Amino acid sequence: MKKVLILDDEKDIVMLFDVVLKKIGFQTYPAHDLKQAKTILSETDLDAAILDLNLPDGNGFSIVPMLQKRFENLPIKICSAYSNDLPLLEKEYHTKVQRFVSKPMNIQDLREIGEWLKSVI
């Protein structure tokens, strides 16, 4: 079963991702802050990650270089209401992500993310 990190401080969004992704065959690893995500990262071989940017203990993008260093070519999707911040973050952290979804999301967005995951891992 493919393993997906879900990093978002909004518990409802994590729960929705969890339900949708498990239903289509993924094992999910929810985290509500960077500390939890880093623990999961150190203990789990991940196949993909879904990240929020604005977290209580920092910026979700800050974990991207760690994910990319540990898991080469890891599919990463950013889901955030702060889409304008992405180019600056990519420049600051000297890395890029290929996918972005703006919040608020609807059920169709969640399904599309699930389909995207199935196509890349």
N, C-alpha and C. Protein backbone atom coordinates (compact mmCIF):
# COMPACT_ATOMS: atom_id res chain seq x y z
N MET A 1 0.84 -1.18 0.00
CA MET A 1 0.00 0.00 0.00
C MET A 1 0.89 1.24 0.00
N LYS A 2 0.60 2.20 -0.87
CA LYS A 2 1.38 3.43 -0.98
C LYS A 2 1.08 4.35 0.20
N LYS A 3 2.13 5.02 0.69
CA LYS A 3 2.05 5.82 1.91
C LYS A 3 2.10 7.31 1.59
N VAL A 4 1.13 8.05 2.12
CA VAL A 4 1.00 9.48 1.83
C VAL A 4 0.97 10.28 3.13
N LEU A 5 1.89 11.24 3.24
CA LEU A 5 1.88 12.20 4.34
C LEU A 5 0.84 13.27 4.04
N ILE A 6 -0.02 13.55 5.01
CA ILE A 6 -0.98 14.65 4.90
C ILE A 6 -0.66 15.64 6.01
N LEU A 7 -0.12 16.79 5.64
CA LEU A 7 0.27 17.81 6.62
C LEU A 7 -0.64 19.02 6.48
N ASP A 8 -1.52 19.19 7.45
CA ASP A 8 -2.44 20.33 7.46
C ASP A 8 -2.92 20.53 8.89
N ASP A 9 -2.97 21.78 9.33
CA ASP A 9 -3.43 22.04 10.70
C ASP A 9 -4.95 22.03 10.82
N GLU A 10 -5.66 22.03 9.71
CA GLU A 10 -7.12 21.97 9.74
C GLU A 10 -7.55 20.50 9.81
N LYS A 11 -8.03 20.10 10.97
CA LYS A 11 -8.36 18.69 11.21
C LYS A 11 -9.43 18.17 10.25
N ASP A 12 -10.37 19.02 9.87
CA ASP A 12 -11.41 18.58 8.92
C ASP A 12 -10.82 18.24 7.56
N ILE A 13 -9.86 19.03 7.11
CA ILE A 13 -9.23 18.75 5.82
C ILE A 13 -8.44 17.46 5.89
N VAL A 14 -7.70 17.27 6.96
CA VAL A 14 -6.94 16.02 7.13
C VAL A 14 -7.90 14.83 7.13
N MET A 15 -9.02 14.96 7.84
CA MET A 15 -9.98 13.87 7.90
C MET A 15 -10.56 13.57 6.51
N LEU A 16 -10.88 14.60 5.74
CA LEU A 16 -11.40 14.39 4.39
C LEU A 16 -10.38 13.70 3.50
N PHE A 17 -9.14 14.18 3.52
CA PHE A 17 -8.08 13.52 2.76
C PHE A 17 -7.94 12.07 3.19
N ASP A 18 -7.95 11.85 4.49
CA ASP A 18 -7.81 10.50 5.03
C ASP A 18 -8.89 9.57 4.49
N VAL A 19 -10.13 10.00 4.53
CA VAL A 19 -11.25 9.17 4.06
C VAL A 19 -11.13 8.90 2.55
N VAL A 20 -10.92 9.97 1.78
CA VAL A 20 -10.86 9.82 0.32
C VAL A 20 -9.68 8.95 -0.10
N LEU A 21 -8.52 9.19 0.46
CA LEU A 21 -7.33 8.44 0.04
C LEU A 21 -7.36 6.99 0.49
N LYS A 22 -7.86 6.73 1.69
CA LYS A 22 -7.98 5.34 2.14
C LYS A 22 -8.98 4.58 1.27
N LYS A 23 -10.03 5.25 0.86
CA LYS A 23 -11.06 4.62 0.04
C LYS A 23 -10.50 4.15 -1.31
N ILE A 24 -9.49 4.85 -1.81
CA ILE A 24 -8.92 4.44 -3.10
C ILE A 24 -7.59 3.69 -2.95
N GLY A 25 -7.30 3.28 -1.70
CA GLY A 25 -6.20 2.34 -1.50
C GLY A 25 -4.88 2.87 -0.99
N PHE A 26 -4.86 4.08 -0.45
CA PHE A 26 -3.62 4.63 0.10
C PHE A 26 -3.59 4.50 1.62
N GLN A 27 -2.40 4.36 2.16
CA GLN A 27 -2.20 4.42 3.60
C GLN A 27 -1.82 5.86 3.92
N THR A 28 -2.52 6.49 4.86
CA THR A 28 -2.27 7.90 5.14
C THR A 28 -1.56 8.09 6.47
N TYR A 29 -0.77 9.14 6.51
CA TYR A 29 -0.03 9.53 7.70
C TYR A 29 -0.34 10.99 8.00
N PRO A 30 -1.35 11.24 8.84
CA PRO A 30 -1.74 12.62 9.11
C PRO A 30 -0.81 13.31 10.11
N ALA A 31 -0.56 14.60 9.84
CA ALA A 31 0.21 15.44 10.74
C ALA A 31 -0.44 16.81 10.76
N HIS A 32 -0.51 17.42 11.95
CA HIS A 32 -1.15 18.72 12.09
C HIS A 32 -0.15 19.85 12.30
N ASP A 33 1.13 19.51 12.37
CA ASP A 33 2.16 20.53 12.49
C ASP A 33 3.49 19.94 11.98
N LEU A 34 4.49 20.80 11.87
CA LEU A 34 5.79 20.36 11.34
C LEU A 34 6.45 19.31 12.23
N LYS A 35 6.30 19.46 13.53
CA LYS A 35 6.91 18.50 14.45
C LYS A 35 6.39 17.09 14.18
N GLN A 36 5.08 16.94 14.05
CA GLN A 36 4.51 15.63 13.76
C GLN A 36 4.98 15.13 12.39
N ALA A 37 5.03 16.02 11.41
CA ALA A 37 5.46 15.63 10.07
C ALA A 37 6.90 15.14 10.07
N LYS A 38 7.76 15.81 10.81
CA LYS A 38 9.17 15.41 10.87
C LYS A 38 9.33 14.05 11.55
N THR A 39 8.50 13.78 12.55
CA THR A 39 8.53 12.47 13.19
C THR A 39 8.12 11.39 12.19
N ILE A 40 7.05 11.63 11.46
CA ILE A 40 6.61 10.67 10.44
C ILE A 40 7.70 10.49 9.39
N LEU A 41 8.30 11.59 8.96
CA LEU A 41 9.37 11.55 7.97
C LEU A 41 10.54 10.69 8.43
N SER A 42 10.86 10.75 9.71
CA SER A 42 12.00 9.98 10.22
C SER A 42 11.69 8.50 10.41
N GLU A 43 10.39 8.16 10.48
CA GLU A 43 10.01 6.77 10.79
C GLU A 43 9.36 6.02 9.63
N THR A 44 9.03 6.71 8.53
CA THR A 44 8.20 6.10 7.49
C THR A 44 8.79 6.34 6.12
N ASP A 45 8.77 5.33 5.29
CA ASP A 45 9.14 5.48 3.88
C ASP A 45 7.91 5.94 3.11
N LEU A 46 7.90 7.20 2.74
CA LEU A 46 6.73 7.80 2.10
C LEU A 46 6.80 7.65 0.58
N ASP A 47 5.62 7.67 -0.04
CA ASP A 47 5.51 7.63 -1.49
C ASP A 47 5.02 8.95 -2.07
N ALA A 48 4.42 9.81 -1.23
CA ALA A 48 3.92 11.12 -1.67
C ALA A 48 3.61 11.97 -0.44
N ALA A 49 3.44 13.27 -0.68
CA ALA A 49 3.11 14.19 0.42
C ALA A 49 2.14 15.26 -0.07
N ILE A 50 1.21 15.60 0.82
CA ILE A 50 0.27 16.71 0.60
C ILE A 50 0.51 17.68 1.75
N LEU A 51 0.86 18.92 1.42
CA LEU A 51 1.31 19.87 2.44
C LEU A 51 0.51 21.17 2.41
N ASP A 52 0.19 21.67 3.58
CA ASP A 52 -0.35 23.01 3.75
C ASP A 52 0.84 23.93 4.01
N LEU A 53 0.71 25.20 3.68
CA LEU A 53 1.80 26.14 3.92
C LEU A 53 1.75 26.77 5.30
N ASN A 54 0.60 27.24 5.72
CA ASN A 54 0.47 27.99 6.96
C ASN A 54 0.14 27.06 8.11
N LEU A 55 1.14 26.78 8.94
CA LEU A 55 0.99 25.85 10.07
C LEU A 55 1.29 26.56 11.38
N PRO A 56 0.83 26.02 12.51
CA PRO A 56 1.05 26.70 13.79
C PRO A 56 2.52 26.83 14.19
N ASP A 57 3.35 25.91 13.72
CA ASP A 57 4.77 25.95 14.11
C ASP A 57 5.70 26.28 12.96
N GLY A 58 5.17 26.88 11.90
CA GLY A 58 6.05 27.29 10.80
C GLY A 58 5.39 27.11 9.45
N ASN A 59 6.22 27.13 8.43
CA ASN A 59 5.74 27.04 7.07
C ASN A 59 5.89 25.61 6.56
N GLY A 60 4.82 25.04 6.04
CA GLY A 60 4.86 23.67 5.55
C GLY A 60 5.86 23.46 4.43
N PHE A 61 6.15 24.52 3.68
CA PHE A 61 7.12 24.38 2.59
C PHE A 61 8.52 24.09 3.12
N SER A 62 8.79 24.45 4.36
CA SER A 62 10.14 24.24 4.91
C SER A 62 10.52 22.78 4.98
N ILE A 63 9.55 21.87 4.93
CA ILE A 63 9.85 20.45 4.99
C ILE A 63 10.13 19.86 3.60
N VAL A 64 9.85 20.62 2.55
CA VAL A 64 10.05 20.12 1.18
C VAL A 64 11.49 19.69 0.92
N PRO A 65 12.50 20.50 1.25
CA PRO A 65 13.87 20.04 1.00
C PRO A 65 14.22 18.74 1.73
N MET A 66 13.71 18.57 2.95
CA MET A 66 13.95 17.32 3.69
C MET A 66 13.29 16.14 2.99
N LEU A 67 12.06 16.34 2.54
CA LEU A 67 11.37 15.26 1.82
C LEU A 67 12.11 14.91 0.53
N GLN A 68 12.53 15.93 -0.21
CA GLN A 68 13.20 15.67 -1.48
C GLN A 68 14.58 15.05 -1.28
N LYS A 69 15.24 15.37 -0.19
CA LYS A 69 16.55 14.78 0.09
C LYS A 69 16.40 13.30 0.46
N ARG A 70 15.41 12.99 1.26
CA ARG A 70 15.21 11.61 1.72
C ARG A 70 14.58 10.74 0.66
N PHE A 71 13.65 11.31 -0.12
CA PHE A 71 12.91 10.55 -1.12
C PHE A 71 13.02 11.25 -2.47
N GLU A 72 13.98 10.83 -3.26
CA GLU A 72 14.20 11.44 -4.56
C GLU A 72 12.94 11.31 -5.43
N ASN A 73 12.56 12.40 -6.09
CA ASN A 73 11.40 12.44 -6.98
C ASN A 73 10.07 12.19 -6.27
N LEU A 74 9.99 12.49 -4.98
CA LEU A 74 8.75 12.32 -4.23
C LEU A 74 7.68 13.27 -4.77
N PRO A 75 6.52 12.76 -5.17
CA PRO A 75 5.44 13.65 -5.59
C PRO A 75 4.93 14.46 -4.39
N ILE A 76 4.89 15.77 -4.57
CA ILE A 76 4.44 16.67 -3.50
C ILE A 76 3.38 17.60 -4.07
N LYS A 77 2.29 17.73 -3.33
CA LYS A 77 1.23 18.67 -3.71
C LYS A 77 1.04 19.64 -2.56
N ILE A 78 1.04 20.92 -2.88
CA ILE A 78 0.78 21.97 -1.90
C ILE A 78 -0.70 22.33 -1.99
N CYS A 79 -1.39 22.32 -0.85
CA CYS A 79 -2.80 22.72 -0.77
C CYS A 79 -2.88 23.85 0.23
N SER A 80 -3.11 25.07 -0.26
CA SER A 80 -3.06 26.21 0.63
C SER A 80 -3.87 27.38 0.09
N ALA A 81 -4.31 28.23 0.98
CA ALA A 81 -4.97 29.48 0.58
C ALA A 81 -3.93 30.55 0.24
N TYR A 82 -2.66 30.25 0.45
CA TYR A 82 -1.59 31.23 0.27
C TYR A 82 -0.80 30.95 -1.01
N SER A 83 -1.47 30.86 -2.13
CA SER A 83 -0.81 30.53 -3.39
C SER A 83 0.19 31.59 -3.83
N ASN A 84 -0.02 32.84 -3.43
CA ASN A 84 0.90 33.91 -3.83
C ASN A 84 2.27 33.74 -3.19
N ASP A 85 2.35 33.00 -2.09
CA ASP A 85 3.62 32.80 -1.40
C ASP A 85 4.51 31.77 -2.08
N LEU A 86 3.95 30.93 -2.93
CA LEU A 86 4.70 29.80 -3.46
C LEU A 86 5.96 30.19 -4.23
N PRO A 87 5.93 31.15 -5.18
CA PRO A 87 7.17 31.50 -5.88
C PRO A 87 8.28 31.99 -4.96
N LEU A 88 7.91 32.76 -3.94
CA LEU A 88 8.92 33.25 -2.99
C LEU A 88 9.51 32.09 -2.18
N LEU A 89 8.66 31.16 -1.77
CA LEU A 89 9.13 30.01 -1.00
C LEU A 89 10.05 29.12 -1.84
N GLU A 90 9.67 28.91 -3.09
CA GLU A 90 10.52 28.09 -3.97
C GLU A 90 11.91 28.73 -4.11
N LYS A 91 11.93 30.05 -4.23
CA LYS A 91 13.20 30.76 -4.34
C LYS A 91 14.00 30.67 -3.03
N GLU A 92 13.31 30.89 -1.91
CA GLU A 92 13.98 30.86 -0.60
C GLU A 92 14.58 29.49 -0.29
N TYR A 93 13.86 28.42 -0.61
CA TYR A 93 14.32 27.07 -0.27
C TYR A 93 15.04 26.39 -1.44
N HIS A 94 15.24 27.10 -2.54
CA HIS A 94 15.97 26.60 -3.70
C HIS A 94 15.41 25.27 -4.19
N THR A 95 14.11 25.18 -4.25
CA THR A 95 13.46 23.96 -4.72
C THR A 95 12.10 24.30 -5.28
N LYS A 96 11.55 23.40 -6.05
CA LYS A 96 10.24 23.62 -6.66
C LYS A 96 9.34 22.43 -6.39
N VAL A 97 8.05 22.69 -6.39
CA VAL A 97 7.05 21.63 -6.36
C VAL A 97 6.24 21.75 -7.65
N GLN A 98 5.71 20.63 -8.09
CA GLN A 98 5.04 20.62 -9.38
C GLN A 98 3.55 20.90 -9.30
N ARG A 99 2.95 20.71 -8.18
CA ARG A 99 1.49 20.78 -8.09
C ARG A 99 1.05 21.70 -6.96
N PHE A 100 -0.04 22.41 -7.23
CA PHE A 100 -0.61 23.32 -6.22
C PHE A 100 -2.13 23.32 -6.35
N VAL A 101 -2.82 23.26 -5.24
CA VAL A 101 -4.28 23.37 -5.21
C VAL A 101 -4.63 24.47 -4.21
N SER A 102 -5.49 25.40 -4.63
CA SER A 102 -5.89 26.50 -3.75
C SER A 102 -7.02 26.06 -2.83
N LYS A 103 -6.96 26.53 -1.60
CA LYS A 103 -8.07 26.37 -0.68
C LYS A 103 -8.98 27.57 -0.83
N PRO A 104 -10.25 27.46 -0.57
CA PRO A 104 -10.92 26.26 -0.08
C PRO A 104 -11.06 25.22 -1.20
N MET A 105 -11.07 23.97 -0.79
CA MET A 105 -11.21 22.86 -1.72
C MET A 105 -12.61 22.29 -1.61
N ASN A 106 -13.01 21.60 -2.67
CA ASN A 106 -14.29 20.90 -2.64
C ASN A 106 -14.03 19.41 -2.87
N ILE A 107 -15.07 18.61 -2.86
CA ILE A 107 -14.91 17.16 -2.98
C ILE A 107 -14.29 16.79 -4.33
N GLN A 108 -14.59 17.56 -5.37
CA GLN A 108 -13.99 17.28 -6.68
C GLN A 108 -12.47 17.50 -6.63
N ASP A 109 -12.02 18.53 -5.93
CA ASP A 109 -10.58 18.76 -5.77
C ASP A 109 -9.93 17.56 -5.08
N LEU A 110 -10.58 17.04 -4.03
CA LEU A 110 -10.04 15.89 -3.31
C LEU A 110 -9.96 14.67 -4.22
N ARG A 111 -10.98 14.45 -5.00
CA ARG A 111 -10.96 13.32 -5.94
C ARG A 111 -9.84 13.48 -6.97
N GLU A 112 -9.67 14.70 -7.48
CA GLU A 112 -8.61 14.95 -8.46
C GLU A 112 -7.23 14.71 -7.85
N ILE A 113 -7.06 15.08 -6.59
CA ILE A 113 -5.78 14.81 -5.92
C ILE A 113 -5.58 13.31 -5.80
N GLY A 114 -6.63 12.58 -5.45
CA GLY A 114 -6.54 11.12 -5.40
C GLY A 114 -6.16 10.53 -6.74
N GLU A 115 -6.77 11.01 -7.81
CA GLU A 115 -6.45 10.52 -9.16
C GLU A 115 -5.02 10.88 -9.53
N TRP A 116 -4.61 12.09 -9.17
CA TRP A 116 -3.22 12.49 -9.42
C TRP A 116 -2.26 11.54 -8.71
N LEU A 117 -2.54 11.25 -7.45
CA LEU A 117 -1.68 10.33 -6.69
C LEU A 117 -1.60 8.96 -7.37
N LYS A 118 -2.75 8.44 -7.78
CA LYS A 118 -2.77 7.13 -8.45
C LYS A 118 -1.94 7.16 -9.73
N SER A 119 -1.86 8.31 -10.39
CA SER A 119 -1.13 8.39 -11.65
C SER A 119 0.38 8.57 -11.45
N VAL A 120 0.80 9.04 -10.29
CA VAL A 120 2.24 9.33 -10.10
C VAL A 120 2.96 8.34 -9.18
N ILE A 121 2.22 7.54 -8.43
CA ILE A 121 2.90 6.56 -7.57
C ILE A 121 2.29 5.18 -7.73
